[in-house]
N, C-alpha and C. Protein backbone atom coordinates (compact mmCIF):
# COMPACT_ATOMS: atom_id res chain seq x y z
N UNK A 1 -132.95 -310.54 -194.97
CA UNK A 1 -131.51 -310.58 -195.16
C UNK A 1 -130.88 -311.19 -193.91
N UNK A 2 -130.03 -312.20 -194.09
CA UNK A 2 -129.44 -312.85 -192.91
C UNK A 2 -128.22 -312.07 -192.42
N UNK A 3 -127.71 -312.46 -191.25
CA UNK A 3 -126.60 -311.72 -190.63
C UNK A 3 -125.33 -311.75 -191.46
N UNK A 4 -125.07 -312.81 -192.21
CA UNK A 4 -123.87 -312.87 -193.07
C UNK A 4 -123.97 -311.83 -194.18
N UNK A 5 -125.16 -311.68 -194.76
CA UNK A 5 -125.33 -310.69 -195.82
C UNK A 5 -125.22 -309.28 -195.25
N UNK A 6 -125.75 -309.05 -194.04
CA UNK A 6 -125.65 -307.73 -193.43
C UNK A 6 -124.20 -307.35 -193.17
N UNK A 7 -123.39 -308.30 -192.71
CA UNK A 7 -122.00 -307.99 -192.38
C UNK A 7 -121.16 -307.70 -193.61
N UNK A 8 -121.60 -308.14 -194.80
CA UNK A 8 -120.86 -307.87 -196.03
C UNK A 8 -121.01 -306.42 -196.49
N UNK A 9 -122.02 -305.74 -196.04
CA UNK A 9 -122.30 -304.37 -196.44
C UNK A 9 -121.61 -303.40 -195.49
N UNK A 10 -121.32 -302.19 -195.99
CA UNK A 10 -120.63 -301.22 -195.14
C UNK A 10 -121.59 -300.42 -194.27
N UNK A 11 -122.88 -300.48 -194.57
CA UNK A 11 -123.86 -299.71 -193.82
C UNK A 11 -125.16 -300.50 -193.76
N UNK A 12 -125.79 -300.54 -192.60
CA UNK A 12 -127.10 -301.16 -192.47
C UNK A 12 -128.11 -300.07 -192.14
N UNK A 13 -129.20 -300.05 -192.88
CA UNK A 13 -130.26 -299.07 -192.70
C UNK A 13 -131.51 -299.81 -192.25
N UNK A 14 -132.07 -299.38 -191.12
CA UNK A 14 -133.35 -299.91 -190.67
C UNK A 14 -134.40 -298.87 -190.97
N UNK A 15 -135.47 -299.27 -191.64
CA UNK A 15 -136.50 -298.32 -192.02
C UNK A 15 -137.88 -298.93 -191.82
N UNK A 16 -138.88 -298.08 -191.73
CA UNK A 16 -140.26 -298.49 -191.54
C UNK A 16 -140.91 -298.66 -192.91
N UNK A 17 -140.97 -299.88 -193.38
CA UNK A 17 -141.54 -300.18 -194.68
C UNK A 17 -143.04 -299.93 -194.75
N UNK A 18 -143.70 -299.79 -193.61
CA UNK A 18 -145.13 -299.49 -193.59
C UNK A 18 -145.40 -297.99 -193.74
N UNK A 19 -144.35 -297.20 -193.65
CA UNK A 19 -144.47 -295.74 -193.77
C UNK A 19 -144.28 -295.35 -195.24
N UNK A 20 -145.27 -294.71 -195.85
CA UNK A 20 -145.13 -294.33 -197.26
C UNK A 20 -143.99 -293.35 -197.52
N UNK A 21 -143.72 -292.46 -196.57
CA UNK A 21 -142.60 -291.52 -196.72
C UNK A 21 -141.27 -292.27 -196.70
N UNK A 22 -141.14 -293.15 -195.72
CA UNK A 22 -139.90 -293.93 -195.58
C UNK A 22 -139.67 -294.81 -196.80
N UNK A 23 -140.71 -295.45 -197.27
CA UNK A 23 -140.59 -296.34 -198.43
C UNK A 23 -140.13 -295.58 -199.67
N UNK A 24 -140.66 -294.38 -199.85
CA UNK A 24 -140.24 -293.57 -201.00
C UNK A 24 -138.78 -293.13 -200.89
N UNK A 25 -138.40 -292.71 -199.69
CA UNK A 25 -137.01 -292.29 -199.47
C UNK A 25 -136.05 -293.45 -199.70
N UNK A 26 -136.38 -294.61 -199.17
CA UNK A 26 -135.52 -295.78 -199.31
C UNK A 26 -135.46 -296.23 -200.77
N UNK A 27 -136.57 -296.16 -201.49
CA UNK A 27 -136.57 -296.51 -202.91
C UNK A 27 -135.61 -295.61 -203.69
N UNK A 28 -135.60 -294.33 -203.36
CA UNK A 28 -134.68 -293.40 -204.03
C UNK A 28 -133.23 -293.73 -203.70
N UNK A 29 -132.95 -294.03 -202.45
CA UNK A 29 -131.58 -294.36 -202.04
C UNK A 29 -131.15 -295.69 -202.67
N UNK A 30 -132.05 -296.66 -202.74
CA UNK A 30 -131.71 -297.94 -203.38
C UNK A 30 -131.28 -297.72 -204.83
N UNK A 31 -131.96 -296.84 -205.53
CA UNK A 31 -131.59 -296.54 -206.92
C UNK A 31 -130.19 -295.93 -207.00
N UNK A 32 -129.84 -295.12 -206.01
CA UNK A 32 -128.52 -294.48 -206.00
C UNK A 32 -127.41 -295.42 -205.52
N UNK A 33 -127.78 -296.45 -204.79
CA UNK A 33 -126.80 -297.41 -204.24
C UNK A 33 -126.44 -298.45 -205.30
N UNK A 34 -125.79 -298.00 -206.35
CA UNK A 34 -125.45 -298.88 -207.48
C UNK A 34 -124.39 -299.92 -207.12
N UNK A 35 -123.59 -299.63 -206.10
CA UNK A 35 -122.55 -300.57 -205.69
C UNK A 35 -123.05 -301.57 -204.65
N UNK A 36 -124.26 -301.39 -204.18
CA UNK A 36 -124.84 -302.32 -203.21
C UNK A 36 -124.13 -302.34 -201.87
N UNK A 37 -123.71 -301.17 -201.38
CA UNK A 37 -122.98 -301.11 -200.12
C UNK A 37 -123.90 -300.98 -198.91
N UNK A 38 -125.18 -300.73 -199.16
CA UNK A 38 -126.12 -300.55 -198.06
C UNK A 38 -127.01 -301.77 -197.94
N UNK A 39 -127.14 -302.27 -196.72
CA UNK A 39 -128.10 -303.34 -196.42
C UNK A 39 -129.35 -302.66 -195.88
N UNK A 40 -130.47 -302.88 -196.53
CA UNK A 40 -131.74 -302.28 -196.12
C UNK A 40 -132.57 -303.32 -195.38
N UNK A 41 -133.02 -302.97 -194.17
CA UNK A 41 -133.81 -303.89 -193.36
C UNK A 41 -135.13 -303.20 -193.00
N UNK A 42 -136.22 -303.80 -193.43
CA UNK A 42 -137.56 -303.27 -193.15
C UNK A 42 -137.97 -303.73 -191.76
N UNK A 43 -138.02 -302.81 -190.81
CA UNK A 43 -138.36 -303.18 -189.44
C UNK A 43 -139.87 -303.27 -189.22
N UNK A 44 -140.66 -302.94 -190.24
CA UNK A 44 -142.11 -303.17 -190.14
C UNK A 44 -142.36 -304.68 -190.14
N UNK A 45 -141.41 -305.43 -190.71
CA UNK A 45 -141.46 -306.89 -190.70
C UNK A 45 -140.99 -307.34 -189.32
N UNK A 46 -141.88 -307.94 -188.56
CA UNK A 46 -141.57 -308.34 -187.18
C UNK A 46 -140.37 -309.28 -187.07
N UNK A 47 -140.04 -309.99 -188.13
CA UNK A 47 -138.93 -310.94 -188.09
C UNK A 47 -137.58 -310.26 -188.32
N UNK A 48 -137.57 -308.99 -188.71
CA UNK A 48 -136.32 -308.30 -189.01
C UNK A 48 -135.47 -308.14 -187.76
N UNK A 49 -134.18 -308.37 -187.91
CA UNK A 49 -133.24 -308.22 -186.80
C UNK A 49 -132.82 -306.75 -186.68
N UNK A 50 -132.83 -306.26 -185.46
CA UNK A 50 -132.43 -304.88 -185.22
C UNK A 50 -131.85 -304.81 -183.80
N UNK A 51 -130.69 -304.16 -183.64
CA UNK A 51 -130.04 -304.14 -182.33
C UNK A 51 -130.67 -303.17 -181.33
N UNK A 52 -131.67 -302.42 -181.76
CA UNK A 52 -132.34 -301.50 -180.84
C UNK A 52 -133.80 -301.88 -180.71
N UNK A 53 -134.43 -301.36 -179.70
CA UNK A 53 -135.84 -301.61 -179.44
C UNK A 53 -136.68 -301.27 -180.69
N UNK A 54 -137.59 -302.16 -181.06
CA UNK A 54 -138.40 -301.99 -182.27
C UNK A 54 -139.19 -300.68 -182.25
N UNK A 55 -139.76 -300.33 -181.11
CA UNK A 55 -140.54 -299.10 -181.00
C UNK A 55 -139.66 -297.87 -181.24
N UNK A 56 -138.46 -297.89 -180.67
CA UNK A 56 -137.52 -296.79 -180.89
C UNK A 56 -137.08 -296.73 -182.35
N UNK A 57 -136.88 -297.90 -182.94
CA UNK A 57 -136.47 -297.96 -184.35
C UNK A 57 -137.55 -297.42 -185.28
N UNK A 58 -138.81 -297.64 -184.93
CA UNK A 58 -139.91 -297.13 -185.75
C UNK A 58 -140.12 -295.63 -185.55
N UNK A 59 -139.70 -295.11 -184.41
CA UNK A 59 -139.91 -293.70 -184.10
C UNK A 59 -138.89 -292.78 -184.77
N UNK A 60 -137.68 -293.28 -185.00
CA UNK A 60 -136.60 -292.47 -185.61
C UNK A 60 -135.85 -293.33 -186.61
N UNK A 61 -135.20 -292.67 -187.55
CA UNK A 61 -134.39 -293.35 -188.56
C UNK A 61 -133.07 -293.78 -187.94
N UNK A 62 -132.66 -295.05 -188.17
CA UNK A 62 -131.42 -295.59 -187.61
C UNK A 62 -130.58 -296.30 -188.67
N UNK A 63 -129.27 -296.19 -188.52
CA UNK A 63 -128.32 -296.94 -189.35
C UNK A 63 -127.21 -297.46 -188.46
N UNK A 64 -126.48 -298.43 -188.99
CA UNK A 64 -125.27 -298.89 -188.31
C UNK A 64 -124.12 -298.70 -189.27
N UNK A 65 -123.15 -297.92 -188.83
CA UNK A 65 -121.97 -297.62 -189.64
C UNK A 65 -120.74 -298.00 -188.83
N UNK A 66 -119.98 -298.96 -189.33
CA UNK A 66 -118.76 -299.36 -188.64
C UNK A 66 -118.99 -299.81 -187.22
N UNK A 67 -120.07 -300.50 -186.95
CA UNK A 67 -120.36 -300.99 -185.62
C UNK A 67 -121.07 -300.00 -184.72
N UNK A 68 -121.22 -298.75 -185.14
CA UNK A 68 -121.88 -297.73 -184.34
C UNK A 68 -123.29 -297.48 -184.87
N UNK A 69 -124.27 -297.49 -183.98
CA UNK A 69 -125.66 -297.20 -184.35
C UNK A 69 -125.88 -295.70 -184.24
N UNK A 70 -126.36 -295.12 -185.33
CA UNK A 70 -126.64 -293.68 -185.39
C UNK A 70 -128.13 -293.49 -185.65
N UNK A 71 -128.68 -292.36 -185.21
CA UNK A 71 -130.09 -292.09 -185.48
C UNK A 71 -130.28 -290.64 -185.90
N UNK A 72 -131.47 -290.38 -186.47
CA UNK A 72 -131.82 -289.03 -186.86
C UNK A 72 -130.94 -288.50 -187.98
N UNK A 73 -130.59 -287.23 -187.87
CA UNK A 73 -129.80 -286.57 -188.91
C UNK A 73 -128.44 -287.24 -189.10
N UNK A 74 -127.83 -287.71 -188.03
CA UNK A 74 -126.54 -288.39 -188.14
C UNK A 74 -126.67 -289.67 -188.96
N UNK A 75 -127.82 -290.34 -188.84
CA UNK A 75 -128.07 -291.56 -189.62
C UNK A 75 -128.22 -291.23 -191.10
N UNK A 76 -128.95 -290.16 -191.40
CA UNK A 76 -129.08 -289.74 -192.79
C UNK A 76 -127.71 -289.38 -193.38
N UNK A 77 -126.90 -288.65 -192.60
CA UNK A 77 -125.56 -288.27 -193.07
C UNK A 77 -124.71 -289.50 -193.37
N UNK A 78 -124.78 -290.51 -192.53
CA UNK A 78 -124.03 -291.75 -192.76
C UNK A 78 -124.51 -292.43 -194.04
N UNK A 79 -125.82 -292.44 -194.25
CA UNK A 79 -126.37 -293.04 -195.47
C UNK A 79 -125.89 -292.27 -196.70
N UNK A 80 -125.90 -290.96 -196.62
CA UNK A 80 -125.42 -290.15 -197.75
C UNK A 80 -123.95 -290.42 -198.03
N UNK A 81 -123.14 -290.60 -196.99
CA UNK A 81 -121.71 -290.86 -197.19
C UNK A 81 -121.47 -292.18 -197.92
N UNK A 82 -122.39 -293.12 -197.81
CA UNK A 82 -122.24 -294.43 -198.45
C UNK A 82 -122.54 -294.37 -199.96
N UNK A 83 -123.18 -293.31 -200.40
CA UNK A 83 -123.56 -293.15 -201.81
C UNK A 83 -122.59 -292.16 -202.46
N UNK A 84 -121.82 -292.59 -203.47
CA UNK A 84 -120.83 -291.68 -204.06
C UNK A 84 -121.38 -290.31 -204.47
N UNK A 85 -122.57 -290.26 -205.06
CA UNK A 85 -123.13 -288.98 -205.52
C UNK A 85 -123.52 -288.06 -204.35
N UNK A 86 -123.76 -288.63 -203.18
CA UNK A 86 -124.18 -287.85 -202.01
C UNK A 86 -123.11 -287.75 -200.94
N UNK A 87 -121.95 -288.36 -201.18
CA UNK A 87 -120.89 -288.39 -200.18
C UNK A 87 -120.51 -287.00 -199.67
N UNK A 88 -120.43 -286.04 -200.57
CA UNK A 88 -120.06 -284.68 -200.18
C UNK A 88 -121.04 -284.11 -199.15
N UNK A 89 -122.32 -284.41 -199.33
CA UNK A 89 -123.34 -283.94 -198.41
C UNK A 89 -123.20 -284.61 -197.04
N UNK A 90 -122.92 -285.90 -197.05
CA UNK A 90 -122.72 -286.62 -195.80
C UNK A 90 -121.49 -286.14 -195.04
N UNK A 91 -120.43 -285.81 -195.78
CA UNK A 91 -119.23 -285.28 -195.13
C UNK A 91 -119.48 -283.88 -194.57
N UNK A 92 -120.18 -283.06 -195.33
CA UNK A 92 -120.52 -281.71 -194.88
C UNK A 92 -121.40 -281.76 -193.63
N UNK A 93 -122.29 -282.75 -193.56
CA UNK A 93 -123.20 -282.89 -192.42
C UNK A 93 -122.46 -283.28 -191.14
N UNK A 94 -121.21 -283.66 -191.23
CA UNK A 94 -120.41 -283.95 -190.03
C UNK A 94 -119.93 -282.67 -189.34
N UNK A 95 -119.99 -281.55 -190.06
CA UNK A 95 -119.60 -280.26 -189.48
C UNK A 95 -120.60 -279.94 -188.38
N UNK A 96 -120.14 -279.80 -187.16
CA UNK A 96 -121.01 -279.73 -185.97
C UNK A 96 -122.14 -278.70 -186.08
N UNK A 97 -121.87 -277.46 -186.52
CA UNK A 97 -123.00 -276.51 -186.62
C UNK A 97 -124.09 -276.98 -187.59
N UNK A 98 -123.70 -277.57 -188.70
CA UNK A 98 -124.69 -278.07 -189.65
C UNK A 98 -125.40 -279.30 -189.10
N UNK A 99 -124.66 -280.15 -188.40
CA UNK A 99 -125.25 -281.34 -187.79
C UNK A 99 -126.36 -280.94 -186.81
N UNK A 100 -126.14 -279.89 -186.05
CA UNK A 100 -127.14 -279.40 -185.09
C UNK A 100 -128.38 -278.91 -185.82
N UNK A 101 -128.20 -278.14 -186.88
CA UNK A 101 -129.32 -277.63 -187.66
C UNK A 101 -130.10 -278.78 -188.29
N UNK A 102 -129.39 -279.74 -188.88
CA UNK A 102 -130.06 -280.88 -189.51
C UNK A 102 -130.85 -281.70 -188.49
N UNK A 103 -130.31 -281.90 -187.30
CA UNK A 103 -131.03 -282.65 -186.27
C UNK A 103 -132.28 -281.90 -185.84
N UNK A 104 -132.19 -280.59 -185.71
CA UNK A 104 -133.39 -279.80 -185.36
C UNK A 104 -134.44 -279.90 -186.46
N UNK A 105 -134.01 -279.85 -187.70
CA UNK A 105 -134.94 -280.00 -188.83
C UNK A 105 -135.58 -281.39 -188.80
N UNK A 106 -134.78 -282.41 -188.51
CA UNK A 106 -135.30 -283.77 -188.45
C UNK A 106 -136.34 -283.90 -187.33
N UNK A 107 -136.05 -283.34 -186.18
CA UNK A 107 -137.01 -283.40 -185.06
C UNK A 107 -138.31 -282.66 -185.40
N UNK A 108 -138.20 -281.56 -186.13
CA UNK A 108 -139.40 -280.84 -186.58
C UNK A 108 -140.19 -281.69 -187.57
N UNK A 109 -139.48 -282.37 -188.45
CA UNK A 109 -140.13 -283.27 -189.40
C UNK A 109 -140.89 -284.37 -188.67
N UNK A 110 -140.31 -284.91 -187.61
CA UNK A 110 -140.98 -285.99 -186.87
C UNK A 110 -142.33 -285.55 -186.31
N UNK A 111 -142.47 -284.27 -186.01
CA UNK A 111 -143.74 -283.75 -185.49
C UNK A 111 -144.82 -283.79 -186.57
N UNK A 112 -144.46 -283.48 -187.80
CA UNK A 112 -145.46 -283.44 -188.89
C UNK A 112 -145.53 -284.76 -189.67
N UNK A 113 -144.64 -285.68 -189.37
CA UNK A 113 -144.60 -286.96 -190.09
C UNK A 113 -145.94 -287.70 -190.09
N UNK A 114 -146.64 -287.82 -188.96
CA UNK A 114 -147.92 -288.54 -189.00
C UNK A 114 -148.93 -287.93 -189.98
N UNK A 115 -148.99 -286.61 -190.03
CA UNK A 115 -149.92 -285.96 -190.97
C UNK A 115 -149.51 -286.22 -192.41
N UNK A 116 -148.22 -286.19 -192.69
CA UNK A 116 -147.73 -286.47 -194.04
C UNK A 116 -148.00 -287.93 -194.43
N UNK A 117 -147.85 -288.82 -193.48
CA UNK A 117 -148.14 -290.24 -193.74
C UNK A 117 -149.61 -290.43 -194.11
N UNK A 118 -150.50 -289.77 -193.40
CA UNK A 118 -151.93 -289.88 -193.70
C UNK A 118 -152.24 -289.34 -195.09
N UNK A 119 -151.57 -288.27 -195.48
CA UNK A 119 -151.78 -287.70 -196.83
C UNK A 119 -151.34 -288.65 -197.93
N UNK A 120 -150.27 -289.39 -197.68
CA UNK A 120 -149.72 -290.27 -198.71
C UNK A 120 -150.39 -291.64 -198.78
N UNK A 121 -151.18 -292.00 -197.77
CA UNK A 121 -151.83 -293.32 -197.79
C UNK A 121 -153.03 -293.34 -198.68
């Protein structure tokens, strides 16, 4: 996807297309994104443009919303806000106590992610 197409979307999602977990999650979100407001960029493709370091982008989930790059639970919340059916969840995730809990859950998930990836391959 070129830069003109990315700028037309309200949210850019960078994901690891080589990760079976990530690919499944993104496939589900693509089905829900009926209005096409999310630009999906597979950073496993070395040619993909990403404003952050590739290694950092592969280590955590990142999105760009309104010019701001978000990662982890905040990135998931932004993605949910872009989908009408999940918007309520994304708005709720902005509540600071819930945001803290979601980020802790995300960090815990990152610890077990490699084992889950091996199971799905």
